[in-house]
Amino acid sequence: MIPLLSDITVLELGSGVAVRYCGRLFSLLGARVLRVGRGEDERIGYARELGEDYGRWLDQGKFFIEDVDVQRLDVVIGGQYAHDIKAAEEVAASHGAVLLAMTWFDLAGPYRDWQGSDEIIAALAGIAYSFGERTGPPMLAQGHAPQITAGLIGLIASLASLLVDRDRRPKRIDVNVHEASMCYSETATLSSHVSGEPSVRLGVNRFVPTYPCSPYRTSDGWVGVTCLTPQQWLSLCALIERADLAADPELDTAYKRLMRAEQVDAALAPVFVHKTREEWVALGMAHRIPIAPMIQPGQLPKVPHWIERGAFTPFGADGIHGPALPYRIRFNSAGVKPWHSKSADAPLAGLRVVDFGMGWAGPLCGRTLGDLGADVVKIESEAHPDWWRGWDAGAVDMETRERQHNFINVNRNKRGVDFDLTQSGGRSWVKALIAGADVVVENYAAGVLTKLGLGPDTHRDVNPSLITVSMPAFGNGGPLSGIRAYGSTVEQSSG
């Protein structure tokens, strides 16, 4: 990968995972990242030797220094506690650098003096509440997902600030783990607010409004199955030769199936044990049903798909493998035209984005760009609306579609346009938009836009300097790239 940030120097002050993961992303993107001191890594992760391994993964590519004696700094990452922020603030001010202040909670809020942890964040952000037995306590997930999320948000905000001329950059950016993690529960929060009904925990692997959304045992392991749309359910019923299930009006929507989850499991579980995991995954791809292999975490680096994609790389003296940078960045011969922000308040103002996003991942990317000031135009069609409006065309009337609260939430700060991409006229209008854009975002299944004549090669023909962001669930290329997927599918396959 070309070191995109080779002219950027970052100083890291703090021991939290959010701070160190943000620095790791900067480092792997080519920035020179300086870290003062080493953390007590035997106490993080699974502790002792494994904690030290985790610390080495967080610190990949960084330079360790004893004190701050450098000519130039662009960003100082400080946190996640008050004394770290104070030290970082002084260094950033003396070097004219952007201070990225990363804390557990908003420093002006009621929790500002609290000690944080990922478990506390999961509880306060409403993430933990949805997981667990219906009548028991919530389940707490392992790991540092809240801090990792905050580290990514910190990177995004910092990169946006660096697009502004140095003398006009913001002096300080505040990111806290609590608010960064609320994206995981915002749809449930909105639904509860709009309906006036409190959220309820339905049990393990029971999530509104989807079912099946569960693991099933195969002859040699496990697969994860998700059926959200009517067509996915009908295809699954046809695959297992259960026309009676397809014809049952009490199972014709995802929510109805959720309310009869035990009946669905009783029908599916005995069938899945008769084929291998690999066979079911292949059948899912052939019939466009989200079926994913469920692999234990330690086995993931040995999966052919992830080997081919280079998703795991060795680090440290022991050659342990860990996740690589989750981007694949390639340049064409034309390169990308220079672009500079004209606004410190909205650093992406003037950037034009064509957003093909559907569901959550793509629209959330477009929303983030829009929140930072970009002009985002969302592409839909009457035949294939964003599924936040409704699962199938015609299932929701036009007036109701425009008031779907989750659609509005994930697509704020965007303009919308309706084109039929299966027709030459619609494709022509889209190409005209792309010709005047800086960025295209899409999260369709791998190869869908290419089949429509609107893939990356077409983008480059129309606009050689365009940046295309493509994010199918399993990537463009590799044995599993054809899997149809939702967030549940990705979780099921990620160990």
Protein backbone atom coordinates (compact mmCIF):
# COMPACT_ATOMS: atom_id res chain seq x y z
CA MET A 1 0.00 0.00 0.00
CA ILE A 2 1.21 3.53 -0.78
CA PRO A 3 1.96 5.39 2.50
CA LEU A 4 -0.76 8.00 2.15
CA LEU A 5 0.18 9.95 5.28
CA SER A 6 3.96 9.90 4.92
CA ASP A 7 4.19 13.66 5.51
CA ILE A 8 2.17 13.52 8.76
CA THR A 9 3.69 13.19 12.24
CA VAL A 10 1.50 12.07 15.14
CA LEU A 11 2.33 12.00 18.85
CA GLU A 12 0.50 9.52 21.07
CA LEU A 13 0.13 10.24 24.80
CA GLY A 14 -2.00 7.81 26.75
CA SER A 15 -2.50 4.15 27.52
CA GLY A 16 -6.11 3.49 26.50
CA VAL A 17 -6.95 1.10 23.67
CA ALA A 18 -8.91 3.85 21.86
CA VAL A 19 -5.84 6.11 21.80
CA ARG A 20 -3.50 3.31 20.74
CA TYR A 21 -5.82 1.93 18.05
CA CYS A 22 -6.23 5.39 16.55
CA GLY A 23 -2.43 5.71 16.49
CA ARG A 24 -2.17 2.25 14.93
CA LEU A 25 -4.43 3.28 12.04
CA PHE A 26 -2.37 6.42 11.48
CA SER A 27 0.81 4.32 11.46
CA LEU A 28 -0.47 1.71 9.02
CA LEU A 29 -1.60 4.49 6.68
CA GLY A 30 1.98 5.75 6.56
CA ALA A 31 2.14 8.45 9.23
CA ARG A 32 5.14 8.72 11.53
CA VAL A 33 3.63 7.89 14.92
CA LEU A 34 5.62 8.62 18.05
CA ARG A 35 4.57 7.02 21.32
CA VAL A 36 5.84 8.19 24.69
CA GLY A 37 6.48 5.16 26.91
CA ARG A 38 5.00 1.70 26.76
CA GLY A 39 1.74 0.57 28.29
CA GLU A 40 1.29 -2.04 31.04
CA ASP A 41 0.22 -4.50 28.42
CA GLU A 42 0.22 -7.54 30.67
CA ARG A 43 -3.01 -6.13 32.08
CA ILE A 44 -5.00 -5.65 28.87
CA GLY A 45 -6.91 -8.10 26.69
CA TYR A 46 -6.63 -11.60 28.12
CA ALA A 47 -3.73 -10.39 30.31
CA ARG A 48 -0.12 -11.46 30.83
CA GLU A 49 1.63 -12.78 27.70
CA LEU A 50 -1.51 -12.45 25.57
CA GLY A 51 -1.95 -8.89 26.76
CA GLU A 52 1.61 -8.11 25.72
CA ASP A 53 0.93 -9.62 22.30
CA TYR A 54 -2.16 -7.44 21.99
CA GLY A 55 -0.09 -4.40 22.91
CA ARG A 56 2.43 -5.20 20.18
CA TRP A 57 -0.45 -5.40 17.69
CA LEU A 58 -1.76 -1.99 18.82
CA ASP A 59 1.73 -0.50 18.46
CA GLN A 60 2.61 -1.81 15.00
CA GLY A 61 4.86 0.61 13.13
CA LYS A 62 5.18 3.15 15.94
CA PHE A 63 8.38 4.74 17.24
CA PHE A 64 8.94 4.81 21.00
CA ILE A 65 10.47 7.91 22.54
CA GLU A 66 11.30 8.99 26.08
CA ASP A 67 10.37 12.65 25.76
CA VAL A 68 8.88 15.04 23.23
CA ASP A 69 11.70 16.69 21.31
CA VAL A 70 10.56 16.90 17.68
CA GLN A 71 10.50 19.74 15.19
CA ARG A 72 6.99 19.27 13.88
CA LEU A 73 3.78 17.61 14.98
CA ASP A 74 0.51 17.54 13.07
CA VAL A 75 -1.72 15.66 15.53
CA VAL A 76 -1.36 14.90 19.23
CA ILE A 77 -3.59 12.05 20.46
CA GLY A 78 -4.20 12.34 24.19
CA GLY A 79 -6.26 10.25 26.57
CA GLN A 80 -8.15 8.56 27.92
CA TYR A 81 -7.80 10.20 31.32
CA ALA A 82 -7.59 13.81 32.47
CA HIS A 83 -3.83 13.85 33.20
CA ASP A 84 -3.10 12.46 29.71
CA ILE A 85 -5.30 15.13 28.13
CA LYS A 86 -3.58 17.92 30.07
CA ALA A 87 -0.12 16.78 28.98
CA ALA A 88 -1.25 16.38 25.37
CA GLU A 89 -2.89 19.81 25.41
CA GLU A 90 0.36 21.50 26.39
CA VAL A 91 2.39 19.68 23.72
CA ALA A 92 -0.18 20.36 20.98
CA ALA A 93 -0.29 24.06 21.83
CA SER A 94 3.50 24.40 21.79
CA HIS A 95 3.75 22.73 18.36
CA GLY A 96 0.65 24.26 16.74
CA ALA A 97 -0.78 20.75 16.28
CA VAL A 98 -4.36 19.50 16.37
CA LEU A 99 -5.21 17.99 19.75
CA LEU A 100 -7.35 14.85 19.52
CA ALA A 101 -8.64 14.50 23.07
CA MET A 102 -10.02 11.00 23.57
CA THR A 103 -11.91 10.28 26.79
CA TRP A 104 -14.33 7.70 28.13
CA PHE A 105 -17.10 10.28 28.63
CA ASP A 106 -17.92 13.84 27.60
CA LEU A 107 -15.77 16.12 29.75
CA ALA A 108 -18.70 18.54 30.10
CA GLY A 109 -21.29 15.85 30.88
CA PRO A 110 -22.56 14.22 34.07
CA TYR A 111 -20.19 11.24 33.73
CA ARG A 112 -17.04 13.33 33.24
CA ASP A 113 -15.38 12.09 36.45
CA TRP A 114 -16.29 8.41 35.97
CA GLN A 115 -13.72 5.70 35.37
CA GLY A 116 -14.58 3.91 32.13
CA SER A 117 -14.34 0.39 30.76
CA ASP A 118 -15.73 -1.29 27.67
CA GLU A 119 -18.28 -3.11 29.83
CA ILE A 120 -19.52 0.13 31.39
CA ILE A 121 -19.80 1.73 27.96
CA ALA A 122 -21.77 -1.26 26.62
CA ALA A 123 -24.19 -0.92 29.53
CA LEU A 124 -24.64 2.87 29.35
CA ALA A 125 -24.96 2.97 25.55
CA GLY A 126 -27.71 0.34 25.60
CA ILE A 127 -25.62 -2.21 23.70
CA ALA A 128 -25.59 -4.87 26.41
CA TYR A 129 -29.31 -4.64 27.14
CA SER A 130 -30.35 -6.46 23.95
CA PHE A 131 -28.17 -9.53 24.55
CA GLY A 132 -28.97 -12.45 26.82
CA GLU A 133 -31.77 -14.65 28.07
CA ARG A 134 -35.19 -13.07 28.09
CA THR A 135 -35.64 -13.29 31.88
CA GLY A 136 -31.99 -13.13 32.90
CA PRO A 137 -29.42 -10.34 33.10
CA PRO A 138 -27.90 -8.78 29.98
CA MET A 139 -24.79 -10.42 28.53
CA LEU A 140 -21.55 -8.46 28.26
CA ALA A 141 -19.44 -9.02 25.18
CA GLN A 142 -15.70 -9.59 25.47
CA GLY A 143 -13.17 -7.33 23.84
CA HIS A 144 -12.74 -3.63 23.20
CA ALA A 145 -15.29 -2.87 20.49
CA PRO A 146 -16.35 0.47 22.08
CA GLN A 147 -12.75 1.69 22.27
CA ILE A 148 -11.91 0.42 18.79
CA THR A 149 -14.93 2.32 17.45
CA ALA A 150 -13.81 5.51 19.20
CA GLY A 151 -10.32 5.08 17.77
CA LEU A 152 -11.75 4.90 14.26
CA ILE A 153 -13.96 7.96 14.86
CA GLY A 154 -10.90 9.82 16.12
CA LEU A 155 -8.98 8.95 12.95
CA ILE A 156 -11.84 10.17 10.73
CA ALA A 157 -12.15 13.48 12.57
CA SER A 158 -8.38 14.02 12.56
CA LEU A 159 -8.00 13.28 8.84
CA ALA A 160 -10.81 15.73 8.07
CA SER A 161 -9.05 18.43 10.09
CA LEU A 162 -5.78 17.82 8.20
CA LEU A 163 -7.50 18.76 4.94
CA VAL A 164 -7.70 22.34 6.24
CA ASP A 165 -4.70 24.68 5.82
CA ARG A 166 -2.45 24.37 8.88
CA ASP A 167 -3.05 27.89 10.18
CA ARG A 168 -6.85 27.39 10.08
CA ARG A 169 -7.10 23.88 11.51
CA PRO A 170 -9.12 23.28 14.67
CA LYS A 171 -7.05 23.45 17.83
CA ARG A 172 -8.92 20.62 19.51
CA ILE A 173 -11.17 17.68 18.62
CA ASP A 174 -13.00 15.87 21.43
CA VAL A 175 -14.06 12.23 20.98
CA ASN A 176 -15.45 10.10 23.78
CA VAL A 177 -15.96 6.34 23.77
CA HIS A 178 -19.48 6.59 25.17
CA GLU A 179 -20.94 8.70 22.36
CA ALA A 180 -18.89 6.99 19.65
CA SER A 181 -20.48 3.67 20.66
CA MET A 182 -24.05 4.91 20.50
CA CYS A 183 -24.18 4.15 16.77
CA TYR A 184 -24.71 0.49 17.73
CA SER A 185 -27.95 1.20 19.55
CA GLU A 186 -29.34 4.21 17.69
CA THR A 187 -31.85 2.26 15.58
CA ALA A 188 -33.32 0.51 18.62
CA THR A 189 -33.43 3.83 20.47
CA LEU A 190 -35.26 5.53 17.62
CA SER A 191 -37.73 2.67 17.25
CA SER A 192 -38.52 2.73 20.95
CA HIS A 193 -38.90 6.51 20.95
CA VAL A 194 -41.20 6.59 17.92
CA SER A 195 -43.36 3.66 19.03
CA GLY A 196 -43.52 4.76 22.64
CA GLU A 197 -42.80 1.20 23.71
CA PRO A 198 -39.73 0.21 25.73
CA SER A 199 -37.18 -2.14 24.24
CA VAL A 200 -37.43 -5.74 25.38
CA ARG A 201 -34.92 -8.57 25.37
CA LEU A 202 -36.36 -11.53 23.46
CA GLY A 203 -33.62 -14.04 24.19
CA VAL A 204 -30.35 -15.34 22.72
CA ASN A 205 -30.16 -14.80 18.94
CA ARG A 206 -33.55 -13.05 18.94
CA PHE A 207 -33.26 -9.59 17.41
CA VAL A 208 -36.10 -7.46 16.02
CA PRO A 209 -37.16 -7.67 13.26
CA THR A 210 -35.24 -10.59 11.71
CA TYR A 211 -35.57 -14.36 11.84
CA PRO A 212 -33.88 -16.70 11.25
CA CYS A 213 -30.80 -14.83 12.44
CA SER A 214 -29.08 -17.76 14.12
CA PRO A 215 -26.34 -20.39 14.04
CA TYR A 216 -27.21 -23.92 12.96
CA ARG A 217 -25.04 -26.99 13.39
CA THR A 218 -23.80 -28.68 10.22
CA SER A 219 -22.24 -32.11 9.85
CA ASP A 220 -18.79 -30.64 10.56
CA GLY A 221 -19.31 -27.29 12.28
CA TRP A 222 -21.67 -24.34 12.25
CA VAL A 223 -23.17 -21.81 9.82
CA GLY A 224 -24.96 -18.55 10.47
CA VAL A 225 -28.24 -17.97 8.62
CA THR A 226 -30.11 -14.69 8.16
CA CYS A 227 -33.40 -14.32 6.27
CA LEU A 228 -34.75 -10.78 6.24
CA THR A 229 -36.59 -10.36 2.93
CA PRO A 230 -39.54 -12.48 1.75
CA GLN A 231 -37.47 -13.71 -1.21
CA GLN A 232 -34.67 -14.96 1.04
CA TRP A 233 -37.17 -16.93 3.13
CA LEU A 234 -38.87 -18.38 0.06
CA SER A 235 -35.51 -19.38 -1.42
CA LEU A 236 -34.50 -21.10 1.81
CA CYS A 237 -37.81 -22.98 1.98
CA ALA A 238 -37.36 -24.12 -1.63
CA LEU A 239 -33.75 -25.17 -0.92
CA ILE A 240 -34.79 -27.45 1.96
CA GLU A 241 -37.93 -28.59 0.08
CA ARG A 242 -40.40 -27.21 2.62
CA ALA A 243 -43.15 -25.67 0.51
CA ASP A 244 -45.42 -25.83 3.55
CA LEU A 245 -43.24 -23.31 5.37
CA ALA A 246 -43.24 -20.98 2.36
CA ALA A 247 -47.03 -21.15 2.18
CA ASP A 248 -47.63 -20.56 5.90
CA PRO A 249 -49.02 -17.00 6.33
CA GLU A 250 -47.83 -17.03 9.94
CA LEU A 251 -44.22 -17.15 8.70
CA ASP A 252 -44.35 -14.78 5.73
CA THR A 253 -42.56 -11.86 7.39
CA ALA A 254 -39.33 -11.72 9.35
CA TYR A 255 -41.11 -10.39 12.43
CA LYS A 256 -43.72 -13.16 12.39
CA ARG A 257 -40.93 -15.73 12.16
CA LEU A 258 -39.20 -14.06 15.10
CA MET A 259 -42.34 -14.47 17.17
CA ARG A 260 -42.33 -18.17 16.20
CA ALA A 261 -38.58 -18.71 16.41
CA GLU A 262 -38.87 -22.11 18.12
CA GLN A 263 -41.06 -23.36 15.26
CA VAL A 264 -38.54 -22.10 12.69
CA ASP A 265 -35.63 -23.69 14.53
CA ALA A 266 -37.47 -26.99 14.79
CA ALA A 267 -37.88 -27.00 11.00
CA LEU A 268 -34.35 -25.89 10.09
CA ALA A 269 -32.03 -27.48 12.64
CA PRO A 270 -32.64 -31.11 11.59
CA VAL A 271 -31.95 -30.21 7.94
CA PHE A 272 -28.64 -28.39 8.37
CA VAL A 273 -26.88 -31.30 10.08
CA HIS A 274 -26.99 -33.34 6.86
CA LYS A 275 -24.52 -31.18 4.87
CA THR A 276 -21.11 -29.71 5.59
CA ARG A 277 -20.48 -26.10 6.42
CA GLU A 278 -18.82 -25.57 3.04
CA GLU A 279 -21.76 -27.12 1.21
CA TRP A 280 -24.27 -24.84 2.94
CA VAL A 281 -22.20 -21.73 2.24
CA ALA A 282 -22.00 -22.65 -1.45
CA LEU A 283 -25.76 -23.25 -1.58
CA GLY A 284 -26.37 -19.90 0.11
CA MET A 285 -24.28 -18.08 -2.49
CA ALA A 286 -26.00 -19.93 -5.35
CA HIS A 287 -29.49 -19.09 -4.04
CA ARG A 288 -28.69 -15.59 -2.68
CA ILE A 289 -29.43 -16.56 0.91
CA PRO A 290 -27.15 -15.06 3.60
CA ILE A 291 -25.41 -18.19 4.93
CA ALA A 292 -21.95 -17.73 6.44
CA PRO A 293 -19.33 -20.10 7.84
CA MET A 294 -18.89 -19.80 11.59
CA ILE A 295 -15.22 -20.26 12.49
CA GLN A 296 -13.47 -20.10 15.86
CA PRO A 297 -11.38 -16.90 16.19
CA GLY A 298 -8.03 -18.67 16.30
CA GLN A 299 -8.80 -20.50 13.05
CA LEU A 300 -9.72 -17.42 11.01
CA PRO A 301 -6.15 -16.73 9.74
CA LYS A 302 -6.17 -20.23 8.21
CA VAL A 303 -9.37 -19.72 6.18
CA PRO A 304 -8.54 -19.62 2.43
CA HIS A 305 -10.68 -16.53 1.84
CA TRP A 306 -8.81 -14.46 4.43
CA ILE A 307 -5.45 -15.85 3.32
CA GLU A 308 -6.13 -14.78 -0.27
CA ARG A 309 -7.17 -11.32 0.87
CA GLY A 310 -4.22 -10.88 3.24
CA ALA A 311 -6.64 -10.08 6.04
CA PHE A 312 -4.21 -11.29 8.72
CA THR A 313 -0.52 -10.48 8.91
CA PRO A 314 2.31 -11.53 11.27
CA PHE A 315 3.58 -9.10 13.87
CA GLY A 316 6.03 -9.19 16.72
CA ALA A 317 9.01 -11.47 17.22
CA ASP A 318 6.88 -14.60 17.60
CA GLY A 319 5.17 -14.28 14.21
CA ILE A 320 1.68 -14.17 15.68
CA HIS A 321 -0.99 -13.22 13.14
CA GLY A 322 -3.45 -10.41 13.73
CA PRO A 323 -5.93 -8.39 11.65
CA ALA A 324 -4.32 -6.18 9.03
CA LEU A 325 -5.50 -2.71 8.02
CA PRO A 326 -9.13 -3.12 6.93
CA TYR A 327 -8.68 -1.21 3.66
CA ARG A 328 -7.39 -2.11 0.21
CA ILE A 329 -6.24 1.10 -1.47
CA ARG A 330 -5.23 1.08 -5.13
CA PHE A 331 -4.30 3.93 -7.47
CA ASN A 332 -4.74 4.23 -11.20
CA SER A 333 -2.31 6.00 -13.50
CA ALA A 334 -4.31 9.22 -13.48
CA GLY A 335 -4.04 9.57 -9.72
CA VAL A 336 -6.39 11.61 -7.56
CA LYS A 337 -6.76 15.32 -8.10
CA PRO A 338 -5.61 17.51 -5.19
CA TRP A 339 -8.38 18.70 -2.93
CA HIS A 340 -8.22 21.13 -0.03
CA SER A 341 -10.89 22.19 2.40
CA LYS A 342 -12.14 25.75 2.38
CA SER A 343 -13.91 25.54 5.72
CA ALA A 344 -12.60 24.73 9.19
CA ASP A 345 -16.17 24.33 10.48
CA ALA A 346 -17.18 21.88 7.71
CA PRO A 347 -13.87 20.42 6.47
CA LEU A 348 -15.47 18.42 3.63
CA ALA A 349 -17.56 21.32 2.30
CA GLY A 350 -17.31 21.33 -1.49
CA LEU A 351 -16.61 17.59 -1.74
CA ARG A 352 -19.22 15.89 -3.96
CA VAL A 353 -20.23 12.32 -3.12
CA VAL A 354 -22.47 9.91 -5.04
CA ASP A 355 -23.89 7.44 -2.50
CA PHE A 356 -25.19 4.06 -3.69
CA GLY A 357 -25.37 2.90 -0.07
CA MET A 358 -28.13 0.55 1.07
CA GLY A 359 -28.99 -0.49 4.61
CA TRP A 360 -26.41 0.51 7.18
CA ALA A 361 -22.72 0.32 6.22
CA GLY A 362 -22.84 2.35 2.99
CA PRO A 363 -25.34 4.95 4.21
CA LEU A 364 -23.40 5.37 7.47
CA CYS A 365 -20.27 6.13 5.43
CA GLY A 366 -22.19 8.69 3.37
CA ARG A 367 -23.77 10.15 6.49
CA THR A 368 -20.35 10.64 8.08
CA LEU A 369 -19.11 12.49 4.99
CA GLY A 370 -22.28 14.58 4.98
CA ASP A 371 -21.91 15.41 8.68
CA LEU A 372 -18.44 16.74 7.88
CA GLY A 373 -19.87 19.03 5.19
CA ALA A 374 -19.76 17.00 1.95
CA ASP A 375 -22.55 17.33 -0.64
CA VAL A 376 -23.93 13.77 -0.69
CA VAL A 377 -26.41 12.59 -3.34
CA LYS A 378 -28.09 9.28 -2.52
CA ILE A 379 -29.11 6.99 -5.42
CA GLU A 380 -32.21 4.77 -5.13
CA SER A 381 -34.83 3.35 -7.47
CA GLU A 382 -38.52 2.63 -7.14
CA ALA A 383 -37.84 -1.06 -7.74
CA HIS A 384 -34.96 -1.21 -5.24
CA PRO A 385 -35.38 1.37 -2.47
CA ASP A 386 -33.09 1.44 0.52
CA TRP A 387 -34.38 -1.36 2.74
CA TRP A 388 -34.78 0.99 5.71
CA ARG A 389 -37.86 2.20 3.82
CA GLY A 390 -39.28 -1.32 3.54
CA TRP A 391 -38.06 -4.75 2.53
CA ASP A 392 -39.75 -4.90 -0.88
CA ALA A 393 -40.92 -2.36 -3.43
CA GLY A 394 -44.63 -1.77 -2.99
CA ALA A 395 -44.64 -3.08 0.56
CA VAL A 396 -44.83 0.44 2.01
CA ASP A 397 -46.78 3.30 0.47
CA MET A 398 -44.90 6.33 -0.82
CA GLU A 399 -45.94 8.69 1.96
CA THR A 400 -44.94 6.23 4.69
CA ARG A 401 -41.58 5.56 3.06
CA GLU A 402 -40.63 9.19 3.45
CA ARG A 403 -41.27 9.04 7.20
CA GLN A 404 -39.27 5.94 8.11
CA HIS A 405 -37.28 7.21 11.09
CA ASN A 406 -34.32 4.84 10.75
CA PHE A 407 -33.98 5.72 7.07
CA ILE A 408 -33.98 9.42 7.91
CA ASN A 409 -31.43 8.89 10.70
CA VAL A 410 -28.83 7.04 8.64
CA ASN A 411 -29.35 9.28 5.59
CA ARG A 412 -29.37 12.73 7.15
CA ASN A 413 -27.56 15.56 5.40
CA LYS A 414 -28.09 13.99 1.96
CA ARG A 415 -30.03 14.78 -1.16
CA GLY A 416 -31.89 11.94 -2.86
CA VAL A 417 -32.57 11.00 -6.47
CA ASP A 418 -34.49 8.08 -8.04
CA PHE A 419 -32.95 6.30 -11.06
CA ASP A 420 -33.72 2.89 -12.55
CA LEU A 421 -30.23 1.45 -12.94
CA THR A 422 -31.51 -1.40 -15.12
CA GLN A 423 -32.43 1.11 -17.84
CA SER A 424 -29.95 2.89 -20.11
CA GLY A 425 -31.53 6.25 -19.36
CA GLY A 426 -31.07 5.83 -15.61
CA ARG A 427 -27.49 4.71 -16.06
CA SER A 428 -26.75 7.72 -18.25
CA TRP A 429 -27.97 10.13 -15.58
CA VAL A 430 -25.89 8.34 -12.94
CA LYS A 431 -22.78 8.58 -15.13
CA ALA A 432 -23.40 12.31 -15.46
CA LEU A 433 -23.48 12.61 -11.67
CA ILE A 434 -20.30 10.54 -11.33
CA ALA A 435 -18.54 12.73 -13.89
CA GLY A 436 -18.92 15.72 -11.58
CA ALA A 437 -18.23 13.91 -8.30
CA ASP A 438 -15.15 13.43 -6.17
CA VAL A 439 -16.18 10.21 -4.39
CA VAL A 440 -18.52 7.28 -5.03
CA VAL A 441 -19.64 5.08 -2.12
CA GLU A 442 -21.33 1.68 -2.53
CA ASN A 443 -21.94 -1.39 -0.39
CA TYR A 444 -23.82 -3.61 -2.82
CA ALA A 445 -22.95 -7.29 -3.00
CA ALA A 446 -19.67 -7.90 -4.84
CA GLY A 447 -20.03 -7.39 -8.59
CA VAL A 448 -23.58 -6.00 -8.62
CA LEU A 449 -22.66 -2.52 -9.89
CA THR A 450 -20.30 -4.02 -12.47
CA LYS A 451 -23.13 -6.17 -13.85
CA LEU A 452 -25.20 -3.01 -14.17
CA GLY A 453 -22.43 -1.34 -16.17
CA LEU A 454 -21.58 1.03 -13.32
CA GLY A 455 -18.57 -0.65 -11.75
CA PRO A 456 -15.17 0.87 -10.87
CA ASP A 457 -13.84 0.60 -14.45
CA THR A 458 -16.79 2.65 -15.66
CA HIS A 459 -16.16 5.18 -12.90
CA ARG A 460 -12.58 5.64 -14.07
CA ASP A 461 -13.64 5.98 -17.71
CA VAL A 462 -16.13 8.71 -16.78
CA ASN A 463 -13.97 10.44 -14.17
CA PRO A 464 -10.30 9.30 -13.98
CA SER A 465 -9.62 11.14 -10.71
CA LEU A 466 -12.64 9.72 -8.88
CA ILE A 467 -12.25 7.89 -5.55
CA THR A 468 -14.46 4.80 -5.43
CA VAL A 469 -15.21 3.34 -1.99
CA SER A 470 -16.56 -0.20 -2.32
CA MET A 471 -17.52 -2.20 0.76
CA PRO A 472 -19.23 -5.52 0.06
CA ALA A 473 -19.45 -7.60 3.22
CA PHE A 474 -16.66 -10.04 2.34
CA GLY A 475 -14.71 -7.83 -0.06
CA ASN A 476 -14.23 -7.75 -3.81
CA GLY A 477 -12.52 -11.05 -4.46
CA GLY A 478 -11.92 -14.27 -2.58
CA PRO A 479 -13.92 -17.53 -2.26
CA LEU A 480 -16.50 -15.97 0.09
CA SER A 481 -17.00 -12.69 -1.75
CA GLY A 482 -20.29 -13.91 -3.23
CA ILE A 483 -22.03 -14.26 0.14
CA ARG A 484 -25.10 -12.08 0.50
CA ALA A 485 -24.82 -10.49 3.90
CA TYR A 486 -26.13 -8.29 6.65
CA GLY A 487 -24.42 -7.19 9.85
CA SER A 488 -25.50 -10.45 11.47
CA THR A 489 -23.80 -12.42 8.67
CA VAL A 490 -20.54 -10.59 9.22
CA GLU A 491 -20.73 -11.11 12.99
CA GLN A 492 -21.44 -14.81 12.53
CA SER A 493 -18.40 -15.25 10.28
CA SER A 494 -15.98 -13.09 12.29
CA GLY A 495 -15.38 -15.46 15.17
